Amino acid sequence: VWITHGTHDHLLNVVTTGQASYNRIWNAYTALGKTPAQANAMVKYTEYADSAFYEPDEHLAAAPTYEDDSIIQWLLAQ
């Protein structure tokens, strides 16, 4: 799982959605007995600053996500 979110998303608060989702999934993996290193390999999180958006809509995290070569390469490797 790779979660992406805009730091200043005007519709969904980054702390209560993006960061909280990452923490919940990571904690669930460790509760199932995964080591922190294994959990880190299974769930990733990227938070995009305002400069990553080419339109003034920090809710559209899909745009910088699709332009992020590391995420695309990771996705294709799955």
PDB file of N, CA and C in Angstrom:
ATOM      1  N   VAL A   1       0.854  -1.168   0.000  1.00  0.00           N
ATOM      2  CA  VAL A   1       0.000   0.000   0.000  1.00  0.00           C
ATOM      3  C   VAL A   1       0.899   1.229   0.000  1.00  0.00           C
ATOM      4  N   TRP A   2       0.594   2.158  -0.878  1.00  0.00           N
ATOM      5  CA  TRP A   2       1.316   3.434  -0.879  1.00  0.00           C
ATOM      6  C   TRP A   2       0.276   4.549  -0.832  1.00  0.00           C
ATOM      7  N   ILE A   3       0.257   5.276   0.263  1.00  0.00           N
ATOM      8  CA  ILE A   3      -0.702   6.358   0.476  1.00  0.00           C
ATOM      9  C   ILE A   3      -0.030   7.676   0.101  1.00  0.00           C
ATOM     10  N   THR A   4      -0.748   8.505  -0.658  1.00  0.00           N
ATOM     11  CA  THR A   4      -0.246   9.841  -0.971  1.00  0.00           C
ATOM     12  C   THR A   4      -1.303  10.865  -0.548  1.00  0.00           C
ATOM     13  N   HIS A   5      -0.820  12.056  -0.183  1.00  0.00           N
ATOM     14  CA  HIS A   5      -1.739  13.090   0.301  1.00  0.00           C
ATOM     15  C   HIS A   5      -1.077  14.440   0.136  1.00  0.00           C
ATOM     16  N   GLY A   6      -1.866  15.462  -0.106  1.00  0.00           N
ATOM     17  CA  GLY A   6      -1.362  16.830  -0.162  1.00  0.00           C
ATOM     18  C   GLY A   6      -1.318  17.435   1.226  1.00  0.00           C
ATOM     19  N   THR A   7      -0.233  18.111   1.552  1.00  0.00           N
ATOM     20  CA  THR A   7      -0.079  18.717   2.872  1.00  0.00           C
ATOM     21  C   THR A   7      -1.222  19.668   3.204  1.00  0.00           C
ATOM     22  N   HIS A   8      -1.648  20.450   2.229  1.00  0.00           N
ATOM     23  CA  HIS A   8      -2.710  21.437   2.469  1.00  0.00           C
ATOM     24  C   HIS A   8      -3.994  21.086   1.729  1.00  0.00           C
ATOM     25  N   ASP A   9      -4.334  19.811   1.708  1.00  0.00           N
ATOM     26  CA  ASP A   9      -5.601  19.371   1.110  1.00  0.00           C
ATOM     27  C   ASP A   9      -6.738  20.130   1.785  1.00  0.00           C
ATOM     28  N   HIS A  10      -7.539  20.819   0.979  1.00  0.00           N
ATOM     29  CA  HIS A  10      -8.608  21.655   1.533  1.00  0.00           C
ATOM     30  C   HIS A  10      -9.897  20.875   1.807  1.00  0.00           C
ATOM     31  N   LEU A  11      -9.967  19.630   1.362  1.00  0.00           N
ATOM     32  CA  LEU A  11     -11.162  18.823   1.605  1.00  0.00           C
ATOM     33  C   LEU A  11     -10.958  17.769   2.687  1.00  0.00           C
ATOM     34  N   LEU A  12      -9.783  17.160   2.712  1.00  0.00           N
ATOM     35  CA  LEU A  12      -9.479  16.118   3.700  1.00  0.00           C
ATOM     36  C   LEU A  12      -8.230  16.514   4.471  1.00  0.00           C
ATOM     37  N   ASN A  13      -8.364  16.640   5.761  1.00  0.00           N
ATOM     38  CA  ASN A  13      -7.247  17.046   6.606  1.00  0.00           C
ATOM     39  C   ASN A  13      -6.143  15.993   6.560  1.00  0.00           C
ATOM     40  N   VAL A  14      -4.929  16.436   6.319  1.00  0.00           N
ATOM     41  CA  VAL A  14      -3.802  15.520   6.150  1.00  0.00           C
ATOM     42  C   VAL A  14      -3.530  14.706   7.412  1.00  0.00           C
ATOM     43  N   VAL A  15      -3.723  15.288   8.574  1.00  0.00           N
ATOM     44  CA  VAL A  15      -3.439  14.581   9.830  1.00  0.00           C
ATOM     45  C   VAL A  15      -4.475  13.492  10.086  1.00  0.00           C
ATOM     46  N   THR A  16      -5.747  13.812   9.858  1.00  0.00           N
ATOM     47  CA  THR A  16      -6.808  12.860  10.183  1.00  0.00           C
ATOM     48  C   THR A  16      -7.119  11.875   9.066  1.00  0.00           C
ATOM     49  N   THR A  17      -6.565  12.090   7.886  1.00  0.00           N
ATOM     50  CA  THR A  17      -6.799  11.135   6.793  1.00  0.00           C
ATOM     51  C   THR A  17      -5.494  10.493   6.336  1.00  0.00           C
ATOM     52  N   GLY A  18      -4.632  11.244   5.695  1.00  0.00           N
ATOM     53  CA  GLY A  18      -3.405  10.671   5.148  1.00  0.00           C
ATOM     54  C   GLY A  18      -2.504  10.056   6.192  1.00  0.00           C
ATOM     55  N   GLN A  19      -2.106  10.849   7.170  1.00  0.00           N
ATOM     56  CA  GLN A  19      -1.186  10.355   8.204  1.00  0.00           C
ATOM     57  C   GLN A  19      -1.854   9.307   9.078  1.00  0.00           C
ATOM     58  N   ALA A  20      -3.126   9.516   9.424  1.00  0.00           N
ATOM     59  CA  ALA A  20      -3.847   8.556  10.261  1.00  0.00           C
ATOM     60  C   ALA A  20      -4.029   7.224   9.537  1.00  0.00           C
ATOM     61  N   SER A  21      -4.321   7.270   8.243  1.00  0.00           N
ATOM     62  CA  SER A  21      -4.468   6.030   7.472  1.00  0.00           C
ATOM     63  C   SER A  21      -3.171   5.247   7.456  1.00  0.00           C
ATOM     64  N   TYR A  22      -2.069   5.932   7.210  1.00  0.00           N
ATOM     65  CA  TYR A  22      -0.764   5.278   7.239  1.00  0.00           C
ATOM     66  C   TYR A  22      -0.512   4.630   8.596  1.00  0.00           C
ATOM     67  N   ASN A  23      -0.729   5.392   9.666  1.00  0.00           N
ATOM     68  CA  ASN A  23      -0.480   4.878  11.016  1.00  0.00           C
ATOM     69  C   ASN A  23      -1.358   3.682  11.343  1.00  0.00           C
ATOM     70  N   ARG A  24      -2.621   3.730  10.943  1.00  0.00           N
ATOM     71  CA  ARG A  24      -3.530   2.610  11.230  1.00  0.00           C
ATOM     72  C   ARG A  24      -3.086   1.338  10.506  1.00  0.00           C
ATOM     73  N   ILE A  25      -2.722   1.470   9.245  1.00  0.00           N
ATOM     74  CA  ILE A  25      -2.292   0.296   8.488  1.00  0.00           C
ATOM     75  C   ILE A  25      -0.981  -0.237   9.033  1.00  0.00           C
ATOM     76  N   TRP A  26      -0.026   0.665   9.297  1.00  0.00           N
ATOM     77  CA  TRP A  26       1.274   0.253   9.836  1.00  0.00           C
ATOM     78  C   TRP A  26       1.089  -0.462  11.175  1.00  0.00           C
ATOM     79  N   ASN A  27       0.265   0.107  12.045  1.00  0.00           N
ATOM     80  CA  ASN A  27       0.001  -0.509  13.347  1.00  0.00           C
ATOM     81  C   ASN A  27      -0.696  -1.858  13.210  1.00  0.00           C
ATOM     82  N   ALA A  28      -1.580  -1.987  12.238  1.00  0.00           N
ATOM     83  CA  ALA A  28      -2.254  -3.273  12.020  1.00  0.00           C
ATOM     84  C   ALA A  28      -1.243  -4.348  11.614  1.00  0.00           C
ATOM     85  N   TYR A  29      -0.303  -3.995  10.749  1.00  0.00           N
ATOM     86  CA  TYR A  29       0.726  -4.965  10.360  1.00  0.00           C
ATOM     87  C   TYR A  29       1.574  -5.383  11.557  1.00  0.00           C
ATOM     88  N   THR A  30       1.967  -4.429  12.382  1.00  0.00           N
ATOM     89  CA  THR A  30       2.793  -4.793  13.535  1.00  0.00           C
ATOM     90  C   THR A  30       1.981  -5.581  14.566  1.00  0.00           C
ATOM     91  N   ALA A  31       0.689  -5.293  14.680  1.00  0.00           N
ATOM     92  CA  ALA A  31      -0.168  -6.064  15.586  1.00  0.00           C
ATOM     93  C   ALA A  31      -0.299  -7.513  15.127  1.00  0.00           C
ATOM     94  N   LEU A  32      -0.157  -7.733  13.829  1.00  0.00           N
ATOM     95  CA  LEU A  32      -0.206  -9.088  13.281  1.00  0.00           C
ATOM     96  C   LEU A  32       1.137  -9.804  13.373  1.00  0.00           C
ATOM     97  N   GLY A  33       2.126  -9.124  13.967  1.00  0.00           N
ATOM     98  CA  GLY A  33       3.415  -9.763  14.182  1.00  0.00           C
ATOM     99  C   GLY A  33       4.513  -9.363  13.216  1.00  0.00           C
ATOM    100  N   LYS A  34       4.230  -8.443  12.317  1.00  0.00           N
ATOM    101  CA  LYS A  34       5.277  -7.963  11.407  1.00  0.00           C
ATOM    102  C   LYS A  34       6.258  -7.089  12.183  1.00  0.00           C
ATOM    103  N   THR A  35       7.520  -7.162  11.819  1.00  0.00           N
ATOM    104  CA  THR A  35       8.517  -6.287  12.434  1.00  0.00           C
ATOM    105  C   THR A  35       8.329  -4.881  11.872  1.00  0.00           C
ATOM    106  N   PRO A  36       8.860  -3.855  12.537  1.00  0.00           N
ATOM    107  CA  PRO A  36       8.780  -2.506  11.967  1.00  0.00           C
ATOM    108  C   PRO A  36       9.363  -2.440  10.552  1.00  0.00           C
ATOM    109  N   ALA A  37      10.443  -3.136  10.295  1.00  0.00           N
ATOM    110  CA  ALA A  37      11.032  -3.129   8.949  1.00  0.00           C
ATOM    111  C   ALA A  37      10.084  -3.763   7.935  1.00  0.00           C
ATOM    112  N   GLN A  38       9.432  -4.843   8.320  1.00  0.00           N
ATOM    113  CA  GLN A  38       8.471  -5.481   7.418  1.00  0.00           C
ATOM    114  C   GLN A  38       7.271  -4.567   7.180  1.00  0.00           C
ATOM    115  N   ALA A  39       6.790  -3.916   8.231  1.00  0.00           N
ATOM    116  CA  ALA A  39       5.659  -2.994   8.082  1.00  0.00           C
ATOM    117  C   ALA A  39       6.044  -1.828   7.173  1.00  0.00           C
ATOM    118  N   ASN A  40       7.267  -1.324   7.317  1.00  0.00           N
ATOM    119  CA  ASN A  40       7.736  -0.230   6.452  1.00  0.00           C
ATOM    120  C   ASN A  40       7.775  -0.653   4.997  1.00  0.00           C
ATOM    121  N   ALA A  41       8.065  -1.910   4.744  1.00  0.00           N
ATOM    122  CA  ALA A  41       8.098  -2.402   3.360  1.00  0.00           C
ATOM    123  C   ALA A  41       6.697  -2.604   2.800  1.00  0.00           C
ATOM    124  N   MET A  42       5.719  -2.761   3.674  1.00  0.00           N
ATOM    125  CA  MET A  42       4.360  -3.075   3.235  1.00  0.00           C
ATOM    126  C   MET A  42       3.453  -1.861   3.106  1.00  0.00           C
ATOM    127  N   VAL A  43       3.786  -0.774   3.794  1.00  0.00           N
ATOM    128  CA  VAL A  43       2.975   0.440   3.703  1.00  0.00           C
ATOM    129  C   VAL A  43       3.910   1.642   3.608  1.00  0.00           C
ATOM    130  N   LYS A  44       3.648   2.485   2.631  1.00  0.00           N
ATOM    131  CA  LYS A  44       4.475   3.665   2.384  1.00  0.00           C
ATOM    132  C   LYS A  44       3.576   4.901   2.390  1.00  0.00           C
ATOM    133  N   TYR A  45       4.196   6.044   2.635  1.00  0.00           N
ATOM    134  CA  TYR A  45       3.432   7.282   2.702  1.00  0.00           C
ATOM    135  C   TYR A  45       4.246   8.418   2.096  1.00  0.00           C
ATOM    136  N   THR A  46       3.615   9.154   1.207  1.00  0.00           N
ATOM    137  CA  THR A  46       4.231  10.351   0.634  1.00  0.00           C
ATOM    138  C   THR A  46       3.259  11.507   0.797  1.00  0.00           C
ATOM    139  N   GLU A  47       3.778  12.598   1.339  1.00  0.00           N
ATOM    140  CA  GLU A  47       2.982  13.807   1.512  1.00  0.00           C
ATOM    141  C   GLU A  47       3.555  14.877   0.596  1.00  0.00           C
ATOM    142  N   TYR A  48       2.723  15.418  -0.271  1.00  0.00           N
ATOM    143  CA  TYR A  48       3.170  16.395  -1.258  1.00  0.00           C
ATOM    144  C   TYR A  48       2.957  17.831  -0.786  1.00  0.00           C
ATOM    145  N   ALA A  49       4.008  18.629  -0.889  1.00  0.00           N
ATOM    146  CA  ALA A  49       3.930  20.060  -0.585  1.00  0.00           C
ATOM    147  C   ALA A  49       3.163  20.767  -1.705  1.00  0.00           C
ATOM    148  N   ASP A  50       2.755  21.994  -1.450  1.00  0.00           N
ATOM    149  CA  ASP A  50       1.999  22.777  -2.437  1.00  0.00           C
ATOM    150  C   ASP A  50       2.725  22.879  -3.770  1.00  0.00           C
ATOM    151  N   SER A  51       4.040  22.921  -3.741  1.00  0.00           N
ATOM    152  CA  SER A  51       4.819  23.077  -4.975  1.00  0.00           C
ATOM    153  C   SER A  51       4.695  21.878  -5.907  1.00  0.00           C
ATOM    154  N   ALA A  52       4.188  20.752  -5.430  1.00  0.00           N
ATOM    155  CA  ALA A  52       4.030  19.561  -6.269  1.00  0.00           C
ATOM    156  C   ALA A  52       2.788  19.632  -7.148  1.00  0.00           C
ATOM    157  N   PHE A  53       1.922  20.583  -6.880  1.00  0.00           N
ATOM    158  CA  PHE A  53       0.661  20.692  -7.612  1.00  0.00           C
ATOM    159  C   PHE A  53       0.760  21.775  -8.676  1.00  0.00           C
ATOM    160  N   TYR A  54       0.362  21.439  -9.894  1.00  0.00           N
ATOM    161  CA  TYR A  54       0.416  22.424 -10.974  1.00  0.00           C
ATOM    162  C   TYR A  54      -0.874  23.220 -11.085  1.00  0.00           C
ATOM    163  N   GLU A  55      -1.912  22.773 -10.405  1.00  0.00           N
ATOM    164  CA  GLU A  55      -3.151  23.543 -10.313  1.00  0.00           C
ATOM    165  C   GLU A  55      -3.381  23.848  -8.829  1.00  0.00           C
ATOM    166  N   PRO A  56      -4.075  24.912  -8.536  1.00  0.00           N
ATOM    167  CA  PRO A  56      -4.282  25.251  -7.114  1.00  0.00           C
ATOM    168  C   PRO A  56      -5.353  24.358  -6.457  1.00  0.00           C
ATOM    169  N   ASP A  57      -5.131  23.060  -6.498  1.00  0.00           N
ATOM    170  CA  ASP A  57      -6.055  22.113  -5.875  1.00  0.00           C
ATOM    171  C   ASP A  57      -5.239  21.039  -5.175  1.00  0.00           C
ATOM    172  N   GLU A  58      -4.894  21.287  -3.924  1.00  0.00           N
ATOM    173  CA  GLU A  58      -4.051  20.367  -3.170  1.00  0.00           C
ATOM    174  C   GLU A  58      -4.792  19.100  -2.756  1.00  0.00           C
ATOM    175  N   HIS A  59      -6.049  18.956  -3.175  1.00  0.00           N
ATOM    176  CA  HIS A  59      -6.807  17.731  -2.922  1.00  0.00           C
ATOM    177  C   HIS A  59      -6.489  16.676  -3.987  1.00  0.00           C
ATOM    178  N   LEU A  60      -6.043  17.098  -5.139  1.00  0.00           N
ATOM    179  CA  LEU A  60      -5.803  16.188  -6.263  1.00  0.00           C
ATOM    180  C   LEU A  60      -4.396  15.581  -6.172  1.00  0.00           C
ATOM    181  N   ALA A  61      -4.166  14.771  -5.153  1.00  0.00           N
ATOM    182  CA  ALA A  61      -2.842  14.162  -4.957  1.00  0.00           C
ATOM    183  C   ALA A  61      -2.510  13.152  -6.046  1.00  0.00           C
ATOM    184  N   ALA A  62      -3.500  12.740  -6.829  1.00  0.00           N
ATOM    185  CA  ALA A  62      -3.226  11.811  -7.927  1.00  0.00           C
ATOM    186  C   ALA A  62      -2.274  12.428  -8.944  1.00  0.00           C
ATOM    187  N   ALA A  63      -2.373  13.732  -9.167  1.00  0.00           N
ATOM    188  CA  ALA A  63      -1.521  14.377 -10.175  1.00  0.00           C
ATOM    189  C   ALA A  63      -0.035  14.230  -9.842  1.00  0.00           C
ATOM    190  N   PRO A  64       0.448  14.661  -8.677  1.00  0.00           N
ATOM    191  CA  PRO A  64       1.869  14.464  -8.396  1.00  0.00           C
ATOM    192  C   PRO A  64       2.228  12.996  -8.192  1.00  0.00           C
ATOM    193  N   THR A  65       1.270  12.186  -7.764  1.00  0.00           N
ATOM    194  CA  THR A  65       1.542  10.751  -7.600  1.00  0.00           C
ATOM    195  C   THR A  65       1.890  10.134  -8.946  1.00  0.00           C
ATOM    196  N   TYR A  66       1.108  10.437  -9.983  1.00  0.00           N
ATOM    197  CA  TYR A  66       1.365   9.872 -11.316  1.00  0.00           C
ATOM    198  C   TYR A  66       2.645  10.408 -11.933  1.00  0.00           C
ATOM    199  N   GLU A  67       3.123  11.541 -11.458  1.00  0.00           N
ATOM    200  CA  GLU A  67       4.366  12.109 -11.970  1.00  0.00           C
ATOM    201  C   GLU A  67       5.589  11.659 -11.177  1.00  0.00           C
ATOM    202  N   ASP A  68       5.374  10.923 -10.103  1.00  0.00           N
ATOM    203  CA  ASP A  68       6.455  10.468  -9.228  1.00  0.00           C
ATOM    204  C   ASP A  68       7.001   9.137  -9.753  1.00  0.00           C
ATOM    205  N   ASP A  69       8.157   9.173 -10.377  1.00  0.00           N
ATOM    206  CA  ASP A  69       8.728   7.968 -10.986  1.00  0.00           C
ATOM    207  C   ASP A  69       8.953   6.850  -9.985  1.00  0.00           C
ATOM    208  N   SER A  70       9.306   7.179  -8.743  1.00  0.00           N
ATOM    209  CA  SER A  70       9.563   6.117  -7.764  1.00  0.00           C
ATOM    210  C   SER A  70       8.272   5.350  -7.457  1.00  0.00           C
ATOM    211  N   ILE A  71       7.144   6.031  -7.413  1.00  0.00           N
ATOM    212  CA  ILE A  71       5.876   5.346  -7.153  1.00  0.00           C
ATOM    213  C   ILE A  71       5.470   4.523  -8.363  1.00  0.00           C
ATOM    214  N   ILE A  72       5.633   5.057  -9.540  1.00  0.00           N
ATOM    215  CA  ILE A  72       5.279   4.316 -10.757  1.00  0.00           C
ATOM    216  C   ILE A  72       6.127   3.052 -10.872  1.00  0.00           C
ATOM    217  N   GLN A  73       7.424   3.168 -10.632  1.00  0.00           N
ATOM    218  CA  GLN A  73       8.304   1.990 -10.696  1.00  0.00           C
ATOM    219  C   GLN A  73       7.905   0.963  -9.634  1.00  0.00           C
ATOM    220  N   TRP A  74       7.588   1.423  -8.425  1.00  0.00           N
ATOM    221  CA  TRP A  74       7.160   0.525  -7.369  1.00  0.00           C
ATOM    222  C   TRP A  74       5.871  -0.186  -7.777  1.00  0.00           C
ATOM    223  N   LEU A  75       4.910   0.557  -8.315  1.00  0.00           N
ATOM    224  CA  LEU A  75       3.635  -0.018  -8.718  1.00  0.00           C
ATOM    225  C   LEU A  75       3.827  -1.084  -9.789  1.00  0.00           C
ATOM    226  N   LEU A  76       4.642  -0.792 -10.769  1.00  0.00           N
ATOM    227  CA  LEU A  76       4.876  -1.748 -11.849  1.00  0.00           C
ATOM    228  C   LEU A  76       5.609  -2.998 -11.366  1.00  0.00           C
ATOM    229  N   ALA A  77       6.348  -2.875 -10.277  1.00  0.00           N
ATOM    230  CA  ALA A  77       7.085  -4.023  -9.744  1.00  0.00           C
ATOM    231  C   ALA A  77       6.212  -4.949  -8.896  1.00  0.00           C
ATOM    232  N   GLN A  78       4.996  -4.487  -8.570  1.00  0.00           N
ATOM    233  CA  GLN A  78       4.134  -5.291  -7.681  1.00  0.00           C
ATOM    234  C   GLN A  78       3.466  -6.430  -8.421  1.00  0.00           C
TER     235      GLN A  78
END
